[in-house]
Amino acid sequence: MKLPILLEMSGLKALVIGGGKVGSRRAAAFAEAGCEVTVLVRPDGGEKAVAGCAVSEAPYSAAMLEGVSICAAATDDHALNAKIVDDCKARGILVNAADDPDRSDYFFPSVIRRGDLTLSVCTEGASPSMTREIARTLREQYPESVGEKLKYLKILRTRILNDGRPKAAQRSDLKEIAGWPLERLKEEAERGA
């Protein structure tokens, strides 16, 4: 069973083997999360580089896993992906195999970000199409303004938690402001600034 968690990825070393469509998406996700990413691509030039990622055209070897925290095997060679998974598991490195969800330690969910709100949808490899459909619905349900609302809720939450009142009163206020409309939150947050 998988456990949905958010991990701090900044500064972790990530290795993506395969620079095709799937590998490029994996590498971009790692780079966006702040990882130091190396993408292993085929030397024939058929695969593309990803912005913010180092690129290597060397053939894969287990020695490349030295210092790696997380890995994605995204080649079109099932046997190579299986070897990468075995090599990672032997070293305690989290690994995702694009063609083998059952042996993957983690998945790349569909992610919707609205400021401090992060929503992710994953069907654990059962149906990427359904994942995309659910994510589309969530994008419509949670517009960009939710991120702005959270920005003001964060300001007010800090203010409330530092006001010295009893915890019960603070909890009551925190519940109440969560239902306030955006304009009222903004007004209250800016009032105390």
N, C-alpha and C. Protein backbone atom coordinates (compact mmCIF):
# COMPACT_ATOMS: atom_id res chain seq x y z
N MET A 1 0.84 -1.18 0.00
CA MET A 1 0.00 0.00 0.00
C MET A 1 0.89 1.25 0.00
N LYS A 2 0.50 2.23 -0.77
CA LYS A 2 1.24 3.48 -0.87
C LYS A 2 0.73 4.48 0.16
N LEU A 3 1.63 5.32 0.66
CA LEU A 3 1.29 6.37 1.61
C LEU A 3 1.48 7.71 0.92
N PRO A 4 0.40 8.49 0.76
CA PRO A 4 0.58 9.81 0.13
C PRO A 4 1.23 10.76 1.13
N ILE A 5 2.42 11.25 0.79
CA ILE A 5 3.14 12.21 1.62
C ILE A 5 3.77 13.27 0.72
N LEU A 6 4.07 14.41 1.28
CA LEU A 6 4.82 15.44 0.57
C LEU A 6 6.22 15.44 1.15
N LEU A 7 7.22 15.36 0.32
CA LEU A 7 8.62 15.33 0.76
C LEU A 7 9.32 16.62 0.36
N GLU A 8 10.21 17.09 1.21
CA GLU A 8 11.06 18.21 0.85
C GLU A 8 12.16 17.66 -0.05
N MET A 9 12.21 18.12 -1.28
CA MET A 9 13.14 17.57 -2.27
C MET A 9 14.31 18.48 -2.57
N SER A 10 14.29 19.70 -2.08
CA SER A 10 15.34 20.67 -2.40
C SER A 10 16.72 20.11 -2.10
N GLY A 11 17.57 20.15 -3.10
CA GLY A 11 18.95 19.74 -2.95
C GLY A 11 19.22 18.26 -3.08
N LEU A 12 18.17 17.44 -3.16
CA LEU A 12 18.40 16.00 -3.33
C LEU A 12 18.91 15.72 -4.74
N LYS A 13 19.71 14.69 -4.83
CA LYS A 13 20.25 14.30 -6.13
C LYS A 13 19.32 13.27 -6.76
N ALA A 14 18.80 13.61 -7.94
CA ALA A 14 17.87 12.74 -8.66
C ALA A 14 18.51 12.30 -9.98
N LEU A 15 18.30 11.04 -10.32
CA LEU A 15 18.78 10.50 -11.59
C LEU A 15 17.59 9.98 -12.38
N VAL A 16 17.48 10.43 -13.62
CA VAL A 16 16.43 9.96 -14.52
C VAL A 16 17.12 9.28 -15.69
N ILE A 17 16.81 8.02 -15.89
CA ILE A 17 17.39 7.30 -17.02
C ILE A 17 16.33 7.23 -18.10
N GLY A 18 16.59 7.92 -19.19
CA GLY A 18 15.66 8.02 -20.31
C GLY A 18 15.21 9.46 -20.47
N GLY A 19 15.48 10.02 -21.64
CA GLY A 19 15.14 11.41 -21.89
C GLY A 19 14.00 11.58 -22.88
N GLY A 20 13.19 10.55 -23.03
CA GLY A 20 12.03 10.66 -23.92
C GLY A 20 10.92 11.45 -23.24
N LYS A 21 9.71 11.28 -23.74
CA LYS A 21 8.57 12.04 -23.25
C LYS A 21 8.34 11.82 -21.75
N VAL A 22 8.32 10.56 -21.32
CA VAL A 22 8.07 10.25 -19.91
C VAL A 22 9.26 10.70 -19.05
N GLY A 23 10.46 10.36 -19.47
CA GLY A 23 11.66 10.75 -18.71
C GLY A 23 11.77 12.26 -18.57
N SER A 24 11.44 12.98 -19.63
CA SER A 24 11.48 14.44 -19.58
C SER A 24 10.49 15.00 -18.56
N ARG A 25 9.31 14.41 -18.50
CA ARG A 25 8.32 14.85 -17.50
C ARG A 25 8.82 14.56 -16.09
N ARG A 26 9.41 13.38 -15.90
CA ARG A 26 9.95 13.01 -14.58
C ARG A 26 11.05 14.00 -14.18
N ALA A 27 11.96 14.27 -15.10
CA ALA A 27 13.08 15.17 -14.81
C ALA A 27 12.57 16.58 -14.50
N ALA A 28 11.59 17.05 -15.27
CA ALA A 28 11.03 18.38 -15.03
C ALA A 28 10.39 18.46 -13.64
N ALA A 29 9.69 17.39 -13.23
CA ALA A 29 9.06 17.37 -11.90
C ALA A 29 10.12 17.44 -10.81
N PHE A 30 11.20 16.69 -10.96
CA PHE A 30 12.28 16.73 -9.97
C PHE A 30 12.93 18.12 -9.93
N ALA A 31 13.18 18.68 -11.11
CA ALA A 31 13.82 20.00 -11.17
C ALA A 31 12.93 21.06 -10.53
N GLU A 32 11.63 21.01 -10.81
CA GLU A 32 10.69 21.97 -10.23
C GLU A 32 10.67 21.86 -8.71
N ALA A 33 10.89 20.65 -8.18
CA ALA A 33 10.89 20.43 -6.74
C ALA A 33 12.22 20.82 -6.10
N GLY A 34 13.19 21.24 -6.90
CA GLY A 34 14.46 21.71 -6.35
C GLY A 34 15.56 20.68 -6.31
N CYS A 35 15.37 19.55 -6.96
CA CYS A 35 16.40 18.52 -6.99
C CYS A 35 17.55 18.91 -7.92
N GLU A 36 18.69 18.33 -7.66
CA GLU A 36 19.83 18.39 -8.58
C GLU A 36 19.65 17.18 -9.51
N VAL A 37 19.26 17.43 -10.75
CA VAL A 37 18.82 16.36 -11.65
C VAL A 37 19.84 16.08 -12.74
N THR A 38 20.12 14.80 -12.93
CA THR A 38 20.90 14.34 -14.08
C THR A 38 19.99 13.43 -14.90
N VAL A 39 19.97 13.68 -16.20
CA VAL A 39 19.17 12.86 -17.11
C VAL A 39 20.13 12.11 -18.02
N LEU A 40 19.99 10.79 -18.03
CA LEU A 40 20.79 9.95 -18.91
C LEU A 40 20.02 9.79 -20.21
N VAL A 41 20.60 10.24 -21.32
CA VAL A 41 19.94 10.16 -22.62
C VAL A 41 20.74 9.27 -23.55
N ARG A 42 20.06 8.80 -24.59
CA ARG A 42 20.75 8.00 -25.60
C ARG A 42 21.70 8.89 -26.39
N PRO A 43 22.85 8.38 -26.71
CA PRO A 43 23.82 9.19 -27.46
C PRO A 43 23.41 9.49 -28.90
N ASP A 44 22.37 8.80 -29.42
CA ASP A 44 21.96 9.03 -30.80
C ASP A 44 21.22 10.35 -30.99
N GLY A 45 20.96 11.06 -29.89
CA GLY A 45 20.32 12.37 -29.99
C GLY A 45 18.83 12.31 -30.15
N GLY A 46 18.22 11.14 -30.04
CA GLY A 46 16.78 11.02 -30.21
C GLY A 46 15.98 11.52 -29.02
N GLU A 47 16.66 11.80 -27.91
CA GLU A 47 15.98 12.28 -26.72
C GLU A 47 16.40 13.71 -26.45
N LYS A 48 15.53 14.43 -25.78
CA LYS A 48 15.81 15.85 -25.57
C LYS A 48 16.23 16.14 -24.14
N ALA A 49 16.95 17.22 -23.98
CA ALA A 49 17.36 17.67 -22.65
C ALA A 49 16.19 18.39 -21.98
N VAL A 50 16.27 18.50 -20.67
CA VAL A 50 15.25 19.19 -19.89
C VAL A 50 15.90 20.39 -19.22
N ALA A 51 15.24 21.53 -19.29
CA ALA A 51 15.78 22.75 -18.69
C ALA A 51 16.07 22.53 -17.21
N GLY A 52 17.22 23.01 -16.77
CA GLY A 52 17.59 22.92 -15.37
C GLY A 52 18.17 21.57 -14.97
N CYS A 53 18.43 20.70 -15.94
CA CYS A 53 18.95 19.37 -15.65
C CYS A 53 20.27 19.15 -16.38
N ALA A 54 21.19 18.47 -15.69
CA ALA A 54 22.42 18.05 -16.35
C ALA A 54 22.08 16.86 -17.25
N VAL A 55 22.80 16.74 -18.35
CA VAL A 55 22.54 15.65 -19.29
C VAL A 55 23.81 14.84 -19.47
N SER A 56 23.65 13.53 -19.48
CA SER A 56 24.78 12.63 -19.72
C SER A 56 24.38 11.67 -20.82
N GLU A 57 25.32 11.40 -21.71
CA GLU A 57 25.07 10.44 -22.79
C GLU A 57 25.78 9.12 -22.55
N ALA A 58 26.32 8.93 -21.34
CA ALA A 58 27.00 7.68 -21.02
C ALA A 58 25.98 6.56 -20.85
N PRO A 59 26.38 5.33 -21.17
CA PRO A 59 25.47 4.21 -20.94
C PRO A 59 25.28 4.01 -19.43
N TYR A 60 24.10 3.52 -19.04
CA TYR A 60 23.81 3.33 -17.63
C TYR A 60 24.74 2.31 -17.00
N SER A 61 25.19 2.61 -15.78
CA SER A 61 25.89 1.64 -14.95
C SER A 61 25.47 1.90 -13.51
N ALA A 62 25.49 0.87 -12.69
CA ALA A 62 25.08 0.98 -11.29
C ALA A 62 25.92 2.01 -10.55
N ALA A 63 27.15 2.25 -10.98
CA ALA A 63 28.03 3.23 -10.33
C ALA A 63 27.42 4.64 -10.39
N MET A 64 26.55 4.89 -11.36
CA MET A 64 25.92 6.21 -11.50
C MET A 64 24.97 6.51 -10.35
N LEU A 65 24.61 5.50 -9.58
CA LEU A 65 23.69 5.68 -8.47
C LEU A 65 24.36 6.23 -7.21
N GLU A 66 25.67 6.32 -7.24
CA GLU A 66 26.41 6.84 -6.09
C GLU A 66 25.93 8.24 -5.73
N GLY A 67 25.47 8.42 -4.50
CA GLY A 67 25.02 9.72 -4.03
C GLY A 67 23.61 10.10 -4.44
N VAL A 68 22.95 9.25 -5.21
CA VAL A 68 21.59 9.53 -5.69
C VAL A 68 20.59 9.22 -4.58
N SER A 69 19.62 10.10 -4.39
CA SER A 69 18.57 9.90 -3.38
C SER A 69 17.31 9.28 -3.97
N ILE A 70 17.04 9.61 -5.24
CA ILE A 70 15.81 9.16 -5.87
C ILE A 70 16.07 8.97 -7.36
N CYS A 71 15.43 7.96 -7.95
CA CYS A 71 15.72 7.61 -9.34
C CYS A 71 14.41 7.30 -10.08
N ALA A 72 14.43 7.58 -11.38
CA ALA A 72 13.31 7.21 -12.25
C ALA A 72 13.87 6.49 -13.46
N ALA A 73 13.38 5.28 -13.69
CA ALA A 73 13.77 4.49 -14.85
C ALA A 73 12.68 4.68 -15.90
N ALA A 74 13.02 5.39 -16.97
CA ALA A 74 12.01 5.74 -17.98
C ALA A 74 12.51 5.47 -19.39
N THR A 75 13.17 4.34 -19.56
CA THR A 75 13.63 3.98 -20.90
C THR A 75 12.55 3.15 -21.59
N ASP A 76 12.75 2.88 -22.87
CA ASP A 76 11.82 2.01 -23.59
C ASP A 76 12.33 0.56 -23.59
N ASP A 77 13.30 0.27 -22.71
CA ASP A 77 13.91 -1.06 -22.60
C ASP A 77 13.50 -1.65 -21.25
N HIS A 78 12.51 -2.57 -21.26
CA HIS A 78 11.99 -3.14 -20.01
C HIS A 78 13.08 -3.81 -19.18
N ALA A 79 13.99 -4.54 -19.84
CA ALA A 79 15.06 -5.24 -19.11
C ALA A 79 15.98 -4.23 -18.42
N LEU A 80 16.29 -3.13 -19.09
CA LEU A 80 17.15 -2.12 -18.49
C LEU A 80 16.43 -1.46 -17.31
N ASN A 81 15.16 -1.14 -17.49
CA ASN A 81 14.40 -0.56 -16.37
C ASN A 81 14.39 -1.51 -15.17
N ALA A 82 14.22 -2.80 -15.41
CA ALA A 82 14.20 -3.80 -14.33
C ALA A 82 15.55 -3.84 -13.62
N LYS A 83 16.64 -3.74 -14.38
CA LYS A 83 17.98 -3.73 -13.78
C LYS A 83 18.16 -2.48 -12.91
N ILE A 84 17.70 -1.34 -13.41
CA ILE A 84 17.81 -0.10 -12.65
C ILE A 84 17.03 -0.23 -11.34
N VAL A 85 15.83 -0.79 -11.40
CA VAL A 85 15.03 -1.00 -10.19
C VAL A 85 15.79 -1.89 -9.21
N ASP A 86 16.34 -3.00 -9.70
CA ASP A 86 17.10 -3.91 -8.83
C ASP A 86 18.29 -3.20 -8.20
N ASP A 87 19.02 -2.44 -9.01
CA ASP A 87 20.20 -1.73 -8.51
C ASP A 87 19.82 -0.71 -7.45
N CYS A 88 18.73 0.01 -7.67
CA CYS A 88 18.27 1.02 -6.70
C CYS A 88 17.83 0.36 -5.41
N LYS A 89 17.04 -0.69 -5.52
CA LYS A 89 16.53 -1.36 -4.33
C LYS A 89 17.68 -1.94 -3.50
N ALA A 90 18.71 -2.45 -4.16
CA ALA A 90 19.87 -2.99 -3.44
C ALA A 90 20.61 -1.90 -2.67
N ARG A 91 20.46 -0.64 -3.09
CA ARG A 91 21.16 0.48 -2.45
C ARG A 91 20.23 1.33 -1.57
N GLY A 92 18.98 0.95 -1.47
CA GLY A 92 18.04 1.70 -0.66
C GLY A 92 17.63 3.03 -1.28
N ILE A 93 17.68 3.11 -2.60
CA ILE A 93 17.30 4.33 -3.32
C ILE A 93 15.87 4.17 -3.81
N LEU A 94 15.03 5.17 -3.52
CA LEU A 94 13.66 5.15 -4.02
C LEU A 94 13.69 5.18 -5.54
N VAL A 95 12.87 4.32 -6.16
CA VAL A 95 12.89 4.22 -7.62
C VAL A 95 11.47 4.09 -8.16
N ASN A 96 11.27 4.70 -9.32
CA ASN A 96 10.04 4.58 -10.08
C ASN A 96 10.40 4.01 -11.44
N ALA A 97 9.70 2.96 -11.84
CA ALA A 97 9.88 2.40 -13.18
C ALA A 97 8.62 2.73 -13.97
N ALA A 98 8.79 3.50 -15.02
CA ALA A 98 7.65 3.95 -15.82
C ALA A 98 6.82 2.80 -16.35
N ASP A 99 7.45 1.67 -16.62
CA ASP A 99 6.75 0.53 -17.21
C ASP A 99 6.42 -0.57 -16.21
N ASP A 100 6.63 -0.32 -14.91
CA ASP A 100 6.40 -1.37 -13.92
C ASP A 100 5.93 -0.78 -12.60
N PRO A 101 4.66 -0.32 -12.54
CA PRO A 101 4.17 0.29 -11.30
C PRO A 101 4.22 -0.64 -10.09
N ASP A 102 4.10 -1.94 -10.31
CA ASP A 102 4.11 -2.87 -9.19
C ASP A 102 5.46 -2.91 -8.46
N ARG A 103 6.53 -2.62 -9.17
CA ARG A 103 7.87 -2.63 -8.54
C ARG A 103 8.33 -1.22 -8.16
N SER A 104 7.55 -0.23 -8.48
CA SER A 104 7.93 1.16 -8.17
C SER A 104 7.69 1.47 -6.70
N ASP A 105 8.60 2.25 -6.13
CA ASP A 105 8.48 2.68 -4.73
C ASP A 105 7.57 3.89 -4.61
N TYR A 106 7.41 4.63 -5.67
CA TYR A 106 6.60 5.85 -5.64
C TYR A 106 6.03 6.09 -7.03
N PHE A 107 5.05 7.00 -7.09
CA PHE A 107 4.43 7.36 -8.36
C PHE A 107 4.54 8.86 -8.55
N PHE A 108 4.35 9.30 -9.76
CA PHE A 108 4.25 10.72 -10.08
C PHE A 108 2.78 11.03 -10.25
N PRO A 109 2.16 11.60 -9.21
CA PRO A 109 0.73 11.91 -9.33
C PRO A 109 0.52 13.13 -10.19
N SER A 110 -0.71 13.34 -10.57
CA SER A 110 -1.08 14.59 -11.21
C SER A 110 -1.18 15.61 -10.08
N VAL A 111 -0.55 16.77 -10.24
CA VAL A 111 -0.46 17.76 -9.16
C VAL A 111 -1.14 19.06 -9.58
N ILE A 112 -1.93 19.58 -8.65
CA ILE A 112 -2.58 20.88 -8.83
C ILE A 112 -2.08 21.76 -7.70
N ARG A 113 -1.47 22.90 -8.03
CA ARG A 113 -0.97 23.82 -7.00
C ARG A 113 -1.72 25.13 -7.09
N ARG A 114 -2.15 25.56 -5.93
CA ARG A 114 -2.82 26.85 -5.78
C ARG A 114 -2.19 27.51 -4.56
N GLY A 115 -1.07 28.19 -4.77
CA GLY A 115 -0.34 28.79 -3.65
C GLY A 115 0.12 27.68 -2.71
N ASP A 116 -0.29 27.78 -1.43
CA ASP A 116 0.10 26.77 -0.45
C ASP A 116 -0.77 25.51 -0.49
N LEU A 117 -1.74 25.46 -1.37
CA LEU A 117 -2.57 24.27 -1.51
C LEU A 117 -1.95 23.36 -2.57
N THR A 118 -1.70 22.13 -2.18
CA THR A 118 -1.22 21.13 -3.12
C THR A 118 -2.20 19.97 -3.12
N LEU A 119 -2.77 19.70 -4.27
CA LEU A 119 -3.66 18.56 -4.45
C LEU A 119 -2.97 17.59 -5.39
N SER A 120 -3.03 16.31 -5.07
CA SER A 120 -2.46 15.34 -5.98
C SER A 120 -3.45 14.20 -6.17
N VAL A 121 -3.43 13.65 -7.37
CA VAL A 121 -4.34 12.56 -7.73
C VAL A 121 -3.49 11.44 -8.31
N CYS A 122 -3.75 10.25 -7.83
CA CYS A 122 -3.00 9.10 -8.32
C CYS A 122 -3.89 7.86 -8.29
N THR A 123 -3.87 7.10 -9.35
CA THR A 123 -4.59 5.83 -9.39
C THR A 123 -3.60 4.66 -9.29
N GLU A 124 -2.39 4.96 -8.83
CA GLU A 124 -1.33 3.96 -8.63
C GLU A 124 -1.08 3.13 -9.89
N GLY A 125 -1.14 3.81 -11.03
CA GLY A 125 -0.85 3.15 -12.29
C GLY A 125 -2.04 2.45 -12.92
N ALA A 126 -3.18 2.41 -12.24
CA ALA A 126 -4.34 1.68 -12.76
C ALA A 126 -4.95 2.36 -13.97
N SER A 127 -5.03 3.71 -13.95
CA SER A 127 -5.64 4.42 -15.06
C SER A 127 -5.16 5.86 -15.14
N PRO A 128 -4.08 6.10 -15.87
CA PRO A 128 -3.62 7.49 -16.04
C PRO A 128 -4.71 8.39 -16.63
N SER A 129 -5.57 7.86 -17.47
CA SER A 129 -6.66 8.66 -18.05
C SER A 129 -7.63 9.13 -16.97
N MET A 130 -7.96 8.26 -16.05
CA MET A 130 -8.86 8.66 -14.97
C MET A 130 -8.17 9.68 -14.06
N THR A 131 -6.88 9.51 -13.82
CA THR A 131 -6.12 10.47 -13.02
C THR A 131 -6.23 11.85 -13.64
N ARG A 132 -6.02 11.95 -14.95
CA ARG A 132 -6.10 13.24 -15.65
C ARG A 132 -7.49 13.85 -15.55
N GLU A 133 -8.53 13.02 -15.66
CA GLU A 133 -9.90 13.51 -15.59
C GLU A 133 -10.23 14.06 -14.20
N ILE A 134 -9.83 13.34 -13.17
CA ILE A 134 -10.07 13.82 -11.80
C ILE A 134 -9.29 15.11 -11.56
N ALA A 135 -8.05 15.17 -12.02
CA ALA A 135 -7.24 16.38 -11.84
C ALA A 135 -7.88 17.57 -12.56
N ARG A 136 -8.43 17.35 -13.75
CA ARG A 136 -9.11 18.42 -14.49
C ARG A 136 -10.27 18.96 -13.67
N THR A 137 -11.05 18.06 -13.08
CA THR A 137 -12.18 18.46 -12.25
C THR A 137 -11.71 19.28 -11.04
N LEU A 138 -10.65 18.85 -10.41
CA LEU A 138 -10.13 19.58 -9.24
C LEU A 138 -9.60 20.96 -9.63
N ARG A 139 -8.97 21.07 -10.80
CA ARG A 139 -8.48 22.38 -11.26
C ARG A 139 -9.64 23.36 -11.40
N GLU A 140 -10.76 22.87 -11.89
CA GLU A 140 -11.95 23.71 -12.05
C GLU A 140 -12.56 24.05 -10.69
N GLN A 141 -12.56 23.09 -9.79
CA GLN A 141 -13.18 23.28 -8.48
C GLN A 141 -12.36 24.21 -7.58
N TYR A 142 -11.05 24.20 -7.73
CA TYR A 142 -10.17 25.02 -6.89
C TYR A 142 -9.42 26.01 -7.77
N PRO A 143 -10.00 27.19 -7.99
CA PRO A 143 -9.36 28.19 -8.85
C PRO A 143 -8.12 28.80 -8.20
N GLU A 144 -7.39 29.58 -8.96
CA GLU A 144 -6.17 30.23 -8.48
C GLU A 144 -6.42 31.08 -7.23
N SER A 145 -7.64 31.61 -7.09
CA SER A 145 -7.95 32.47 -5.94
C SER A 145 -7.82 31.73 -4.62
N VAL A 146 -7.88 30.40 -4.62
CA VAL A 146 -7.70 29.63 -3.39
C VAL A 146 -6.29 29.87 -2.85
N GLY A 147 -5.32 29.97 -3.72
CA GLY A 147 -3.95 30.24 -3.29
C GLY A 147 -3.83 31.59 -2.60
N GLU A 148 -4.53 32.58 -3.15
CA GLU A 148 -4.51 33.91 -2.54
C GLU A 148 -5.20 33.88 -1.18
N LYS A 149 -6.30 33.16 -1.09
CA LYS A 149 -7.01 33.03 0.18
C LYS A 149 -6.09 32.40 1.23
N LEU A 150 -5.37 31.38 0.86
CA LEU A 150 -4.46 30.71 1.79
C LEU A 150 -3.33 31.64 2.24
N LYS A 151 -2.90 32.53 1.36
CA LYS A 151 -1.86 33.49 1.73
C LYS A 151 -2.33 34.34 2.91
N TYR A 152 -3.56 34.81 2.85
CA TYR A 152 -4.10 35.64 3.93
C TYR A 152 -4.44 34.82 5.17
N LEU A 153 -4.92 33.60 4.97
CA LEU A 153 -5.18 32.73 6.12
C LEU A 153 -3.90 32.44 6.90
N LYS A 154 -2.80 32.29 6.19
CA LYS A 154 -1.51 32.03 6.84
C LYS A 154 -1.09 33.22 7.70
N ILE A 155 -1.27 34.42 7.18
CA ILE A 155 -0.94 35.63 7.93
C ILE A 155 -1.79 35.72 9.19
N LEU A 156 -3.09 35.53 9.02
CA LEU A 156 -4.00 35.64 10.15
C LEU A 156 -3.79 34.51 11.16
N ARG A 157 -3.47 33.33 10.67
CA ARG A 157 -3.21 32.20 11.57
C ARG A 157 -2.01 32.51 12.47
N THR A 158 -0.95 33.02 11.89
CA THR A 158 0.23 33.38 12.68
C THR A 158 -0.13 34.42 13.73
N ARG A 159 -0.88 35.40 13.32
CA ARG A 159 -1.29 36.47 14.22
C ARG A 159 -2.12 35.90 15.38
N ILE A 160 -3.08 35.05 15.07
CA ILE A 160 -3.95 34.46 16.09
C ILE A 160 -3.15 33.59 17.05
N LEU A 161 -2.28 32.77 16.53
CA LEU A 161 -1.51 31.85 17.38
C LEU A 161 -0.51 32.57 18.27
N ASN A 162 -0.20 33.80 17.95
CA ASN A 162 0.76 34.58 18.75
C ASN A 162 0.09 35.64 19.61
N ASP A 163 -1.25 35.62 19.71
CA ASP A 163 -1.93 36.70 20.44
C ASP A 163 -2.05 36.46 21.94
N GLY A 164 -1.59 35.33 22.43
CA GLY A 164 -1.56 35.09 23.87
C GLY A 164 -2.88 34.63 24.49
N ARG A 165 -3.92 34.51 23.71
CA ARG A 165 -5.21 34.07 24.24
C ARG A 165 -5.20 32.56 24.49
N PRO A 166 -6.18 32.06 25.23
CA PRO A 166 -6.28 30.60 25.44
C PRO A 166 -6.42 29.85 24.12
N LYS A 167 -5.89 28.65 24.09
CA LYS A 167 -5.89 27.83 22.87
C LYS A 167 -7.30 27.60 22.33
N ALA A 168 -8.26 27.40 23.19
CA ALA A 168 -9.63 27.15 22.74
C ALA A 168 -10.17 28.34 21.95
N ALA A 169 -9.89 29.55 22.39
CA ALA A 169 -10.33 30.76 21.67
C ALA A 169 -9.62 30.87 20.34
N GLN A 170 -8.35 30.55 20.33
CA GLN A 170 -7.59 30.59 19.08
C GLN A 170 -8.14 29.58 18.07
N ARG A 171 -8.39 28.35 18.52
CA ARG A 171 -8.95 27.32 17.62
C ARG A 171 -10.30 27.76 17.06
N SER A 172 -11.11 28.35 17.90
CA SER A 172 -12.42 28.83 17.46
C SER A 172 -12.28 29.89 16.36
N ASP A 173 -11.36 30.83 16.56
CA ASP A 173 -11.13 31.87 15.55
C ASP A 173 -10.58 31.29 14.25
N LEU A 174 -9.68 30.32 14.37
CA LEU A 174 -9.10 29.70 13.17
C LEU A 174 -10.18 28.99 12.35
N LYS A 175 -11.10 28.33 13.02
CA LYS A 175 -12.20 27.67 12.30
C LYS A 175 -13.08 28.71 11.62
N GLU A 176 -13.35 29.80 12.33
CA GLU A 176 -14.23 30.83 11.78
C GLU A 176 -13.63 31.49 10.54
N ILE A 177 -12.36 31.89 10.60
CA ILE A 177 -11.78 32.63 9.47
C ILE A 177 -11.61 31.75 8.23
N ALA A 178 -11.54 30.43 8.42
CA ALA A 178 -11.42 29.54 7.26
C ALA A 178 -12.61 29.67 6.32
N GLY A 179 -13.76 30.10 6.85
CA GLY A 179 -14.96 30.27 6.04
C GLY A 179 -15.17 31.67 5.50
N TRP A 180 -14.28 32.58 5.85
CA TRP A 180 -14.43 33.96 5.37
C TRP A 180 -14.16 34.06 3.88
N PRO A 181 -14.81 34.99 3.22
CA PRO A 181 -14.51 35.23 1.80
C PRO A 181 -13.15 35.91 1.65
N LEU A 182 -12.60 35.81 0.47
CA LEU A 182 -11.28 36.34 0.17
C LEU A 182 -11.13 37.81 0.55
N GLU A 183 -12.09 38.64 0.18
CA GLU A 183 -11.97 40.08 0.44
C GLU A 183 -11.87 40.39 1.93
N ARG A 184 -12.64 39.68 2.73
CA ARG A 184 -12.58 39.92 4.18
C ARG A 184 -11.23 39.48 4.74
N LEU A 185 -10.72 38.34 4.27
CA LEU A 185 -9.40 37.87 4.72
C LEU A 185 -8.33 38.89 4.37
N LYS A 186 -8.37 39.39 3.14
CA LYS A 186 -7.38 40.35 2.68
C LYS A 186 -7.44 41.61 3.54
N GLU A 187 -8.65 42.10 3.79
CA GLU A 187 -8.83 43.31 4.57
C GLU A 187 -8.26 43.13 5.99
N GLU A 188 -8.57 42.00 6.63
CA GLU A 188 -8.10 41.74 7.98
C GLU A 188 -6.58 41.56 8.01
N ALA A 189 -6.04 40.87 7.03
CA ALA A 189 -4.59 40.64 6.99
C ALA A 189 -3.84 41.94 6.79
N GLU A 190 -4.35 42.80 5.92
CA GLU A 190 -3.69 44.07 5.64
C GLU A 190 -3.87 45.09 6.77
N ARG A 191 -4.92 44.93 7.54
CA ARG A 191 -5.18 45.82 8.67
C ARG A 191 -4.09 45.72 9.72
N GLY A 192 -3.61 44.53 9.96
CA GLY A 192 -2.60 44.34 11.00
C GLY A 192 -1.18 44.45 10.50
N ALA A 193 -1.00 44.72 9.21
CA ALA A 193 0.35 44.75 8.63
C ALA A 193 1.11 46.01 9.00
